C-alpha atoms as a PDB file:
ATOM      1  CA  MET A   1       5.553 -17.040  22.034  1.00  0.00           C
ATOM      2  CA  THR A   2       7.561 -20.340  23.108  1.00  0.00           C
ATOM      3  CA  ALA A   3      11.328 -20.614  22.680  1.00  0.00           C
ATOM      4  CA  SER A   4      10.812 -23.015  19.856  1.00  0.00           C
ATOM      5  CA  VAL A   5       8.597 -20.790  17.762  1.00  0.00           C
ATOM      6  CA  PRO A   6      10.777 -18.153  15.655  1.00  0.00           C
ATOM      7  CA  PRO A   7       9.668 -14.450  15.615  1.00  0.00           C
ATOM      8  CA  ILE A   8       8.640 -14.802  11.777  1.00  0.00           C
ATOM      9  CA  LEU A   9       6.908 -17.845  10.732  1.00  0.00           C
ATOM     10  CA  ILE A  10       5.104 -18.746   7.751  1.00  0.00           C
ATOM     11  CA  GLU A  11       3.803 -22.313   6.929  1.00  0.00           C
ATOM     12  CA  GLN A  12       1.904 -23.404   3.738  1.00  0.00           C
ATOM     13  CA  LEU A  13       0.800 -19.776   3.145  1.00  0.00           C
ATOM     14  CA  VAL A  14      -1.657 -19.479   0.055  1.00  0.00           C
ATOM     15  CA  VAL A  15      -2.735 -16.208  -1.108  1.00  0.00           C
ATOM     16  CA  SER A  16      -4.621 -15.700  -4.478  1.00  0.00           C
ATOM     17  CA  TYR A  17      -6.173 -12.830  -6.202  1.00  0.00           C
ATOM     18  CA  GLY A  18      -9.132 -13.923  -8.121  1.00  0.00           C
ATOM     19  CA  THR A  19      -7.742 -16.860 -10.097  1.00  0.00           C
ATOM     20  CA  HIS A  20      -4.095 -15.896  -9.660  1.00  0.00           C
ATOM     21  CA  ARG A  21      -2.198 -17.581  -6.990  1.00  0.00           C
ATOM     22  CA  VAL A  22       0.380 -15.247  -5.693  1.00  0.00           C
ATOM     23  CA  LEU A  23       1.776 -17.347  -2.883  1.00  0.00           C
ATOM     24  CA  ASP A  24       1.711 -21.037  -3.339  1.00  0.00           C
ATOM     25  CA  ALA A  25       2.211 -23.061  -0.121  1.00  0.00           C
ATOM     26  CA  LEU A  26       5.001 -20.860   0.877  1.00  0.00           C
ATOM     27  CA  THR A  27       7.099 -21.618   3.866  1.00  0.00           C
ATOM     28  CA  LEU A  28       9.628 -19.518   5.616  1.00  0.00           C
ATOM     29  CA  ALA A  29      11.190 -18.960   9.144  1.00  0.00           C
ATOM     30  CA  VAL A  30      13.370 -16.307  10.211  1.00  0.00           C
ATOM     31  CA  PRO A  31      14.947 -17.099  13.710  1.00  0.00           C
ATOM     32  CA  ALA A  32      15.882 -14.188  16.257  1.00  0.00           C
ATOM     33  CA  GLY A  33      19.026 -12.668  15.713  1.00  0.00           C
ATOM     34  CA  SER A  34      19.426 -13.518  12.003  1.00  0.00           C
ATOM     35  CA  ILE A  35      18.837 -11.465   8.609  1.00  0.00           C
ATOM     36  CA  THR A  36      17.111 -13.316   5.810  1.00  0.00           C
ATOM     37  CA  ALA A  37      17.153 -11.767   2.348  1.00  0.00           C
ATOM     38  CA  LEU A  38      14.179 -12.577   0.157  1.00  0.00           C
ATOM     39  CA  LEU A  39      14.874 -12.398  -3.460  1.00  0.00           C
ATOM     40  CA  GLY A  40      12.564 -12.607  -6.519  1.00  0.00           C
ATOM     41  CA  GLY A  41      11.531 -10.961  -9.797  1.00  0.00           C
ATOM     42  CA  ASN A  42       8.575  -8.805 -10.220  1.00  0.00           C
ATOM     43  CA  GLY A  43       5.328 -10.620  -9.312  1.00  0.00           C
ATOM     44  CA  ALA A  44       7.202 -13.370  -7.338  1.00  0.00           C
ATOM     45  CA  GLY A  45       5.265 -12.626  -4.343  1.00  0.00           C
ATOM     46  CA  LYS A  46       7.582 -10.702  -2.273  1.00  0.00           C
ATOM     47  CA  SER A  47       5.357  -7.736  -1.421  1.00  0.00           C
ATOM     48  CA  THR A  48       2.479 -10.172  -0.620  1.00  0.00           C
ATOM     49  CA  THR A  49       4.621 -11.793   1.868  1.00  0.00           C
ATOM     50  CA  LEU A  50       5.133  -8.667   3.624  1.00  0.00           C
ATOM     51  CA  GLY A  51       1.399  -7.660   3.530  1.00  0.00           C
ATOM     52  CA  ALA A  52       0.572 -11.059   5.092  1.00  0.00           C
ATOM     53  CA  LEU A  53       3.055 -10.426   8.075  1.00  0.00           C
ATOM     54  CA  LEU A  54       1.773  -6.893   8.504  1.00  0.00           C
ATOM     55  CA  GLY A  55      -2.027  -8.092   8.323  1.00  0.00           C
ATOM     56  CA  PHE A  56      -2.861  -6.427   5.153  1.00  0.00           C
ATOM     57  CA  VAL A  57      -3.416  -9.657   3.222  1.00  0.00           C
ATOM     58  CA  ARG A  58      -5.715 -12.312   4.067  1.00  0.00           C
ATOM     59  CA  PRO A  59      -4.487 -15.883   3.432  1.00  0.00           C
ATOM     60  CA  GLY A  60      -6.682 -18.326   1.584  1.00  0.00           C
ATOM     61  CA  SER A  61      -4.860 -21.029   3.757  1.00  0.00           C
ATOM     62  CA  GLY A  62      -1.653 -21.572   5.635  1.00  0.00           C
ATOM     63  CA  ASN A  63      -0.456 -19.984   8.724  1.00  0.00           C
ATOM     64  CA  VAL A  64       1.341 -16.700   9.324  1.00  0.00           C
ATOM     65  CA  THR A  65       2.650 -15.691  12.810  1.00  0.00           C
ATOM     66  CA  VAL A  66       4.677 -12.783  14.101  1.00  0.00           C
ATOM     67  CA  CYS A  67       6.080 -13.630  17.714  1.00  0.00           C
ATOM     68  CA  GLY A  68       3.315 -16.267  17.894  1.00  0.00           C
ATOM     69  CA  ILE A  69       0.687 -14.000  17.017  1.00  0.00           C
ATOM     70  CA  ASP A  70      -1.504 -14.240  14.027  1.00  0.00           C
ATOM     71  CA  PRO A  71      -1.892 -11.015  12.150  1.00  0.00           C
ATOM     72  CA  GLY A  72      -5.341 -12.077  10.638  1.00  0.00           C
ATOM     73  CA  ARG A  73      -6.709 -12.362  14.139  1.00  0.00           C
ATOM     74  CA  ASP A  74      -4.739  -9.732  16.173  1.00  0.00           C
ATOM     75  CA  VAL A  75      -3.332  -7.211  13.695  1.00  0.00           C
ATOM     76  CA  ASP A  76      -2.532  -4.458  16.489  1.00  0.00           C
ATOM     77  CA  GLY A  77      -0.600  -7.109  18.621  1.00  0.00           C
ATOM     78  CA  ALA A  78       1.260  -8.206  15.765  1.00  0.00           C
ATOM     79  CA  ARG A  79       2.221  -5.006  14.498  1.00  0.00           C
ATOM     80  CA  ARG A  80       3.378  -3.820  17.868  1.00  0.00           C
ATOM     81  CA  ARG A  81       6.190  -6.247  17.415  1.00  0.00           C
ATOM     82  CA  ILE A  82       7.166  -5.034  14.049  1.00  0.00           C
ATOM     83  CA  ALA A  83       9.193  -2.296  12.690  1.00  0.00           C
ATOM     84  CA  TYR A  84       8.634  -1.689   9.049  1.00  0.00           C
ATOM     85  CA  LEU A  85      10.673   0.099   6.577  1.00  0.00           C
ATOM     86  CA  PRO A  86       9.036   0.515   3.123  1.00  0.00           C
ATOM     87  CA  GLU A  87      10.958   1.295   0.130  1.00  0.00           C
ATOM     88  CA  ASN A  88      10.261   4.978   0.517  1.00  0.00           C
ATOM     89  CA  VAL A  89      10.339   5.702   4.245  1.00  0.00           C
ATOM     90  CA  ALA A  90       7.278   7.663   5.387  1.00  0.00           C
ATOM     91  CA  LEU A  91       8.400  10.585   7.680  1.00  0.00           C
ATOM     92  CA  TYR A  92       7.076  14.022   8.008  1.00  0.00           C
ATOM     93  CA  GLU A  93       8.697  16.610   5.699  1.00  0.00           C
ATOM     94  CA  HIS A  94       7.842  19.616   7.906  1.00  0.00           C
ATOM     95  CA  LEU A  95       9.311  17.927  11.305  1.00  0.00           C
ATOM     96  CA  SER A  96      12.749  17.731  12.291  1.00  0.00           C
ATOM     97  CA  ALA A  97      14.547  14.337  12.457  1.00  0.00           C
ATOM     98  CA  VAL A  98      14.131  14.512  16.309  1.00  0.00           C
ATOM     99  CA  GLU A  99      10.414  15.563  16.036  1.00  0.00           C
ATOM    100  CA  ASN A 100       9.875  12.673  13.642  1.00  0.00           C
ATOM    101  CA  ALA A 101      11.477  10.074  15.921  1.00  0.00           C
ATOM    102  CA  GLN A 102       9.625  11.328  19.076  1.00  0.00           C
ATOM    103  CA  TYR A 103       6.259  11.340  17.157  1.00  0.00           C
ATOM    104  CA  LEU A 104       6.739   7.968  15.675  1.00  0.00           C
ATOM    105  CA  LEU A 105       7.655   6.495  18.991  1.00  0.00           C
ATOM    106  CA  ALA A 106       4.609   8.093  20.602  1.00  0.00           C
ATOM    107  CA  LEU A 107       2.298   6.460  17.947  1.00  0.00           C
ATOM    108  CA  SER A 108       3.663   3.303  19.002  1.00  0.00           C
ATOM    109  CA  GLY A 109       3.012   3.955  22.818  1.00  0.00           C
ATOM    110  CA  ASP A 110       6.585   4.696  23.516  1.00  0.00           C
ATOM    111  CA  ARG A 111       7.800   8.082  24.867  1.00  0.00           C
ATOM    112  CA  TRP A 112      11.560   8.974  24.771  1.00  0.00           C
ATOM    113  CA  ASP A 113      13.287  12.293  25.589  1.00  0.00           C
ATOM    114  CA  ARG A 114      15.308  14.259  23.338  1.00  0.00           C
ATOM    115  CA  ARG A 115      18.718  12.907  24.700  1.00  0.00           C
ATOM    116  CA  ALA A 116      17.705   9.091  24.297  1.00  0.00           C
ATOM    117  CA  VAL A 117      16.599  10.142  20.710  1.00  0.00           C
ATOM    118  CA  THR A 118      20.028  11.976  19.819  1.00  0.00           C
ATOM    119  CA  ASP A 119      21.819   9.189  21.265  1.00  0.00           C
ATOM    120  CA  ALA A 120      20.380   6.705  19.029  1.00  0.00           C
ATOM    121  CA  PHE A 121      20.847   9.235  15.971  1.00  0.00           C
ATOM    122  CA  ALA A 122      24.594   9.647  16.957  1.00  0.00           C
ATOM    123  CA  ALA A 123      24.909   5.747  17.531  1.00  0.00           C
ATOM    124  CA  LYS A 124      23.505   5.128  13.863  1.00  0.00           C
ATOM    125  CA  GLY A 125      25.684   7.795  12.333  1.00  0.00           C
ATOM    126  CA  LEU A 126      23.499  10.640  11.619  1.00  0.00           C
ATOM    127  CA  GLN A 127      25.213  13.720  12.116  1.00  0.00           C
ATOM    128  CA  GLU A 128      24.537  16.265  14.908  1.00  0.00           C
ATOM    129  CA  ARG A 129      23.927  19.046  12.345  1.00  0.00           C
ATOM    130  CA  ALA A 130      21.027  17.029  10.941  1.00  0.00           C
ATOM    131  CA  TRP A 131      19.250  16.407  14.211  1.00  0.00           C
ATOM    132  CA  ASP A 132      16.961  19.662  14.210  1.00  0.00           C
ATOM    133  CA  LEU A 133      16.788  19.938  10.217  1.00  0.00           C
ATOM    134  CA  ARG A 134      13.454  19.331   8.658  1.00  0.00           C
ATOM    135  CA  LEU A 135      13.061  16.050   6.673  1.00  0.00           C
ATOM    136  CA  GLY A 136      12.294  17.641   3.585  1.00  0.00           C
ATOM    137  CA  GLY A 137      16.060  18.180   2.828  1.00  0.00           C
ATOM    138  CA  PHE A 138      17.112  14.570   3.709  1.00  0.00           C
ATOM    139  CA  SER A 139      18.588  11.842   1.552  1.00  0.00           C
ATOM    140  CA  LYS A 140      17.240   8.527   1.434  1.00  0.00           C
ATOM    141  CA  GLY A 141      20.165   7.255   3.394  1.00  0.00           C
ATOM    142  CA  MET A 142      19.736   9.915   6.052  1.00  0.00           C
ATOM    143  CA  ARG A 143      15.745   9.150   6.323  1.00  0.00           C
ATOM    144  CA  GLN A 144      16.748   5.578   6.887  1.00  0.00           C
ATOM    145  CA  LYS A 145      19.145   6.250   9.586  1.00  0.00           C
ATOM    146  CA  VAL A 146      16.050   8.092  11.400  1.00  0.00           C
ATOM    147  CA  ALA A 147      13.941   5.124  10.948  1.00  0.00           C
ATOM    148  CA  ILE A 148      16.629   2.469  12.227  1.00  0.00           C
ATOM    149  CA  ALA A 149      17.079   4.637  15.217  1.00  0.00           C
ATOM    150  CA  VAL A 150      13.316   4.605  15.974  1.00  0.00           C
ATOM    151  CA  ALA A 151      13.267   0.914  15.323  1.00  0.00           C
ATOM    152  CA  LEU A 152      16.373   0.242  18.053  1.00  0.00           C
ATOM    153  CA  LEU A 153      14.658   2.544  20.478  1.00  0.00           C
ATOM    154  CA  ARG A 154      11.416   0.536  20.215  1.00  0.00           C
ATOM    155  CA  ALA A 155      13.296  -2.685  20.766  1.00  0.00           C
ATOM    156  CA  VAL A 156      10.843  -4.767  18.627  1.00  0.00           C
ATOM    157  CA  PRO A 157      11.751  -8.266  17.639  1.00  0.00           C
ATOM    158  CA  VAL A 158      10.983  -8.091  14.167  1.00  0.00           C
ATOM    159  CA  LEU A 159      12.028  -5.627  11.424  1.00  0.00           C
ATOM    160  CA  LEU A 160      10.702  -5.848   7.758  1.00  0.00           C
ATOM    161  CA  LEU A 161      12.557  -4.121   5.045  1.00  0.00           C
ATOM    162  CA  ASP A 162      11.242  -3.578   1.649  1.00  0.00           C
ATOM    163  CA  GLU A 163      13.983  -2.872  -0.958  1.00  0.00           C
ATOM    164  CA  PRO A 164      15.852  -0.895   1.632  1.00  0.00           C
ATOM    165  CA  THR A 165      18.971  -0.223  -0.654  1.00  0.00           C
ATOM    166  CA  SER A 166      17.111   1.015  -3.817  1.00  0.00           C
ATOM    167  CA  GLY A 167      18.549   4.289  -4.895  1.00  0.00           C
ATOM    168  CA  LEU A 168      21.385   4.294  -2.335  1.00  0.00           C
ATOM    169  CA  ASN A 169      24.960   4.938  -3.668  1.00  0.00           C
ATOM    170  CA  PRO A 170      27.696   2.248  -2.391  1.00  0.00           C
ATOM    171  CA  ARG A 171      28.949   4.084   0.720  1.00  0.00           C
ATOM    172  CA  ALA A 172      25.253   4.723   1.743  1.00  0.00           C
ATOM    173  CA  THR A 173      24.381   0.918   1.140  1.00  0.00           C
ATOM    174  CA  ALA A 174      27.599  -0.140   3.305  1.00  0.00           C
ATOM    175  CA  ASP A 175      26.327   2.244   6.007  1.00  0.00           C
ATOM    176  CA  PHE A 176      22.738   0.724   5.917  1.00  0.00           C
ATOM    177  CA  ASN A 177      23.914  -2.670   6.081  1.00  0.00           C
ATOM    178  CA  ALA A 178      26.004  -1.813   9.250  1.00  0.00           C
ATOM    179  CA  LEU A 179      22.770  -0.597  10.678  1.00  0.00           C
ATOM    180  CA  VAL A 180      20.853  -3.623   9.921  1.00  0.00           C
ATOM    181  CA  SER A 181      23.704  -5.884  11.299  1.00  0.00           C
ATOM    182  CA  SER A 182      23.432  -3.969  14.699  1.00  0.00           C
ATOM    183  CA  VAL A 183      19.712  -4.507  14.755  1.00  0.00           C
ATOM    184  CA  ARG A 184      20.264  -8.150  14.156  1.00  0.00           C
ATOM    185  CA  ASP A 185      22.899  -8.200  16.752  1.00  0.00           C
ATOM    186  CA  ARG A 186      20.459  -7.090  19.398  1.00  0.00           C
ATOM    187  CA  GLY A 187      18.479 -10.374  18.676  1.00  0.00           C
ATOM    188  CA  THR A 188      16.044  -9.004  16.125  1.00  0.00           C
ATOM    189  CA  ALA A 189      14.638 -11.203  13.495  1.00  0.00           C
ATOM    190  CA  VAL A 190      15.152  -9.333  10.061  1.00  0.00           C
ATOM    191  CA  LEU A 191      13.401 -10.053   6.742  1.00  0.00           C
ATOM    192  CA  MET A 192      14.603  -7.982   3.922  1.00  0.00           C
ATOM    193  CA  VAL A 193      12.928  -8.035   0.458  1.00  0.00           C
ATOM    194  CA  THR A 194      15.353  -6.998  -2.136  1.00  0.00           C
ATOM    195  CA  HIS A 195      16.368  -7.061  -5.774  1.00  0.00           C
ATOM    196  CA  ASP A 196      19.916  -5.957  -4.585  1.00  0.00           C
ATOM    197  CA  LEU A 197      21.773  -9.393  -4.582  1.00  0.00           C
ATOM    198  CA  LEU A 198      25.417  -7.837  -3.790  1.00  0.00           C
ATOM    199  CA  SER A 199      24.065  -5.936  -0.848  1.00  0.00           C
ATOM    200  CA  ALA A 200      22.092  -8.941   0.558  1.00  0.00           C
ATOM    201  CA  ALA A 201      25.098 -10.980   0.117  1.00  0.00           C
ATOM    202  CA  ASP A 202      27.048  -8.672   2.429  1.00  0.00           C
ATOM    203  CA  VAL A 203      24.579  -8.636   5.290  1.00  0.00           C
ATOM    204  CA  ALA A 204      22.223 -11.467   5.053  1.00  0.00           C
ATOM    205  CA  ASP A 205      22.732 -14.913   7.115  1.00  0.00           C
ATOM    206  CA  ARG A 206      20.634 -16.593   4.564  1.00  0.00           C
ATOM    207  CA  MET A 207      19.113 -15.946   1.088  1.00  0.00           C
ATOM    208  CA  ALA A 208      15.891 -17.465  -0.104  1.00  0.00           C
ATOM    209  CA  PHE A 209      14.963 -17.292  -3.812  1.00  0.00           C
ATOM    210  CA  LEU A 210      10.906 -16.824  -4.351  1.00  0.00           C
ATOM    211  CA  GLU A 211       9.553 -18.085  -7.505  1.00  0.00           C
ATOM    212  CA  ALA A 212       6.068 -18.377  -8.402  1.00  0.00           C
ATOM    213  CA  GLY A 213       4.881 -17.767  -4.910  1.00  0.00           C
ATOM    214  CA  ARG A 214       7.115 -20.431  -3.143  1.00  0.00           C
ATOM    215  CA  ILE A 215      10.874 -20.780  -2.019  1.00  0.00           C
ATOM    216  CA  ALA A 216      12.802 -22.261  -5.049  1.00  0.00           C
ATOM    217  CA  GLU A 217      16.047 -22.242  -3.406  1.00  0.00           C
ATOM    218  CA  ASP A 218      17.445 -21.413   0.277  1.00  0.00           C
ATOM    219  CA  VAL A 219      21.118 -20.822   0.845  1.00  0.00           C
ATOM    220  CA  VAL A 220      22.884 -20.077   3.991  1.00  0.00           C
ATOM    221  CA  ALA A 221      25.965 -18.073   4.398  1.00  0.00           C
ATOM    222  CA  SER A 222      29.191 -20.036   5.163  1.00  0.00           C
ATOM    223  CA  GLY A 223      32.944 -19.516   5.512  1.00  0.00           C
ATOM    224  CA  PRO A 224      34.925 -16.483   4.816  1.00  0.00           C
ATOM    225  CA  GLU A 225      33.301 -15.596   1.653  1.00  0.00           C
ATOM    226  CA  ARG A 226      29.549 -16.313   2.868  1.00  0.00           C
ATOM    227  CA  PHE A 227      28.197 -16.824  -0.626  1.00  0.00           C
ATOM    228  CA  ASP A 228      29.154 -17.672  -3.848  1.00  0.00           C
ATOM    229  CA  VAL A 229      27.975 -14.519  -5.584  1.00  0.00           C
ATOM    230  CA  ARG A 230      28.524 -15.733  -9.018  1.00  0.00           C
ATOM    231  CA  ALA A 231      26.636 -18.667  -8.711  1.00  0.00           C
ATOM    232  CA  LEU A 232      23.735 -16.636  -6.778  1.00  0.00           C
ATOM    233  CA  HIS A 233      23.615 -14.197  -9.769  1.00  0.00           C
ATOM    234  CA  ALA A 234      23.227 -16.841 -12.352  1.00  0.00           C
ATOM    235  CA  ARG A 235      20.503 -18.566 -10.118  1.00  0.00           C
ATOM    236  CA  PHE A 236      18.823 -15.066  -9.575  1.00  0.00           C
ATOM    237  CA  ALA A 237      18.904 -14.319 -13.340  1.00  0.00           C
ATOM    238  CA  LEU A 238      17.484 -17.809 -14.289  1.00  0.00           C
ATOM    239  CA  GLY A 239      14.611 -17.120 -11.700  1.00  0.00           C
ATOM    240  CA  GLY A 240      13.886 -13.848 -13.524  1.00  0.00           C
ATOM    241  CA  GLU A 241      13.728 -15.451 -16.846  1.00  0.00           C
ATOM    242  CA  ARG A 242      11.388 -18.081 -15.676  1.00  0.00           C
ATOM    243  CA  LEU A 243       9.163 -15.210 -14.180  1.00  0.00           C
ATOM    244  CA  ALA A 244       9.165 -13.456 -17.556  1.00  0.00           C
ATOM    245  CA  ALA A 245       8.451 -16.508 -19.593  1.00  0.00           C
END
C-alpha cells in the first residue's frame, strides 16, 4: 500500500441482488487515523458495504481495497488487516474474557501472554474481577471492551463496526466511544455503520449519509460543536422518508 492510498477505499462500487441495485456507484474513502460514520435507513446498503470490505460480497463493478488489497482477490490478506465488530459480538460463552482474547488472537496468528491481555483489558476499562469470568454473564458493553482490547492487541490498520452502540445505555455508549477514539488515535481507519446519530456525532470525524446505494451527503466535523446535530437529524429523517417512500 502506498502512502497515497487510504486503508479503506471504495470507488464506483456497484452491487446488485437480482434486478435490485443495492450499491449504486458508491465511492467512499476512510483515511488512517480517522473515524467515518456511515448512516442510512434500512435497505440503504450499509451492511452490503461492510460485506464488500470483508470479502463476503462480490461487486458487479467498481473497486474495493483494504490497505491496497482487493478482498475479492485476496480475502485472507484483506481480513488479516481488519478487526470487525458485528452488532452482536461473537464470543464464546463458556470461556473467560482472558481465554476468549487469547483464542481469538491465536486464530489471527498472534500469541499474547496473560499479562499482555489483562493489561489491554485494564487500559480499556474492563474491571479485574471480570477477567476470569465466563462471557455468558457479560453485558454487551463488557463484551465490546473485550473485543476492542483484542483489536488493539492485533494492531490492525482497519476497524469495522456494525451498529456498535445498539442496545447500550448512555454511559456504556460514552465508554465505547472513548475506546473507539483510542483506536483512531493509534492511526487506525475506523468505519462505523450506525443508526445512532447522536453517538456518531460525539465520536466521528466525518458522517456520510447513504441513500439508495450511494453517498447523498458527506459532513466533516469542524469547530467546537463538531456537527450541527439538529440539521443532521433533519437530514437523516428526510433520508429515511425517501427510503420508505
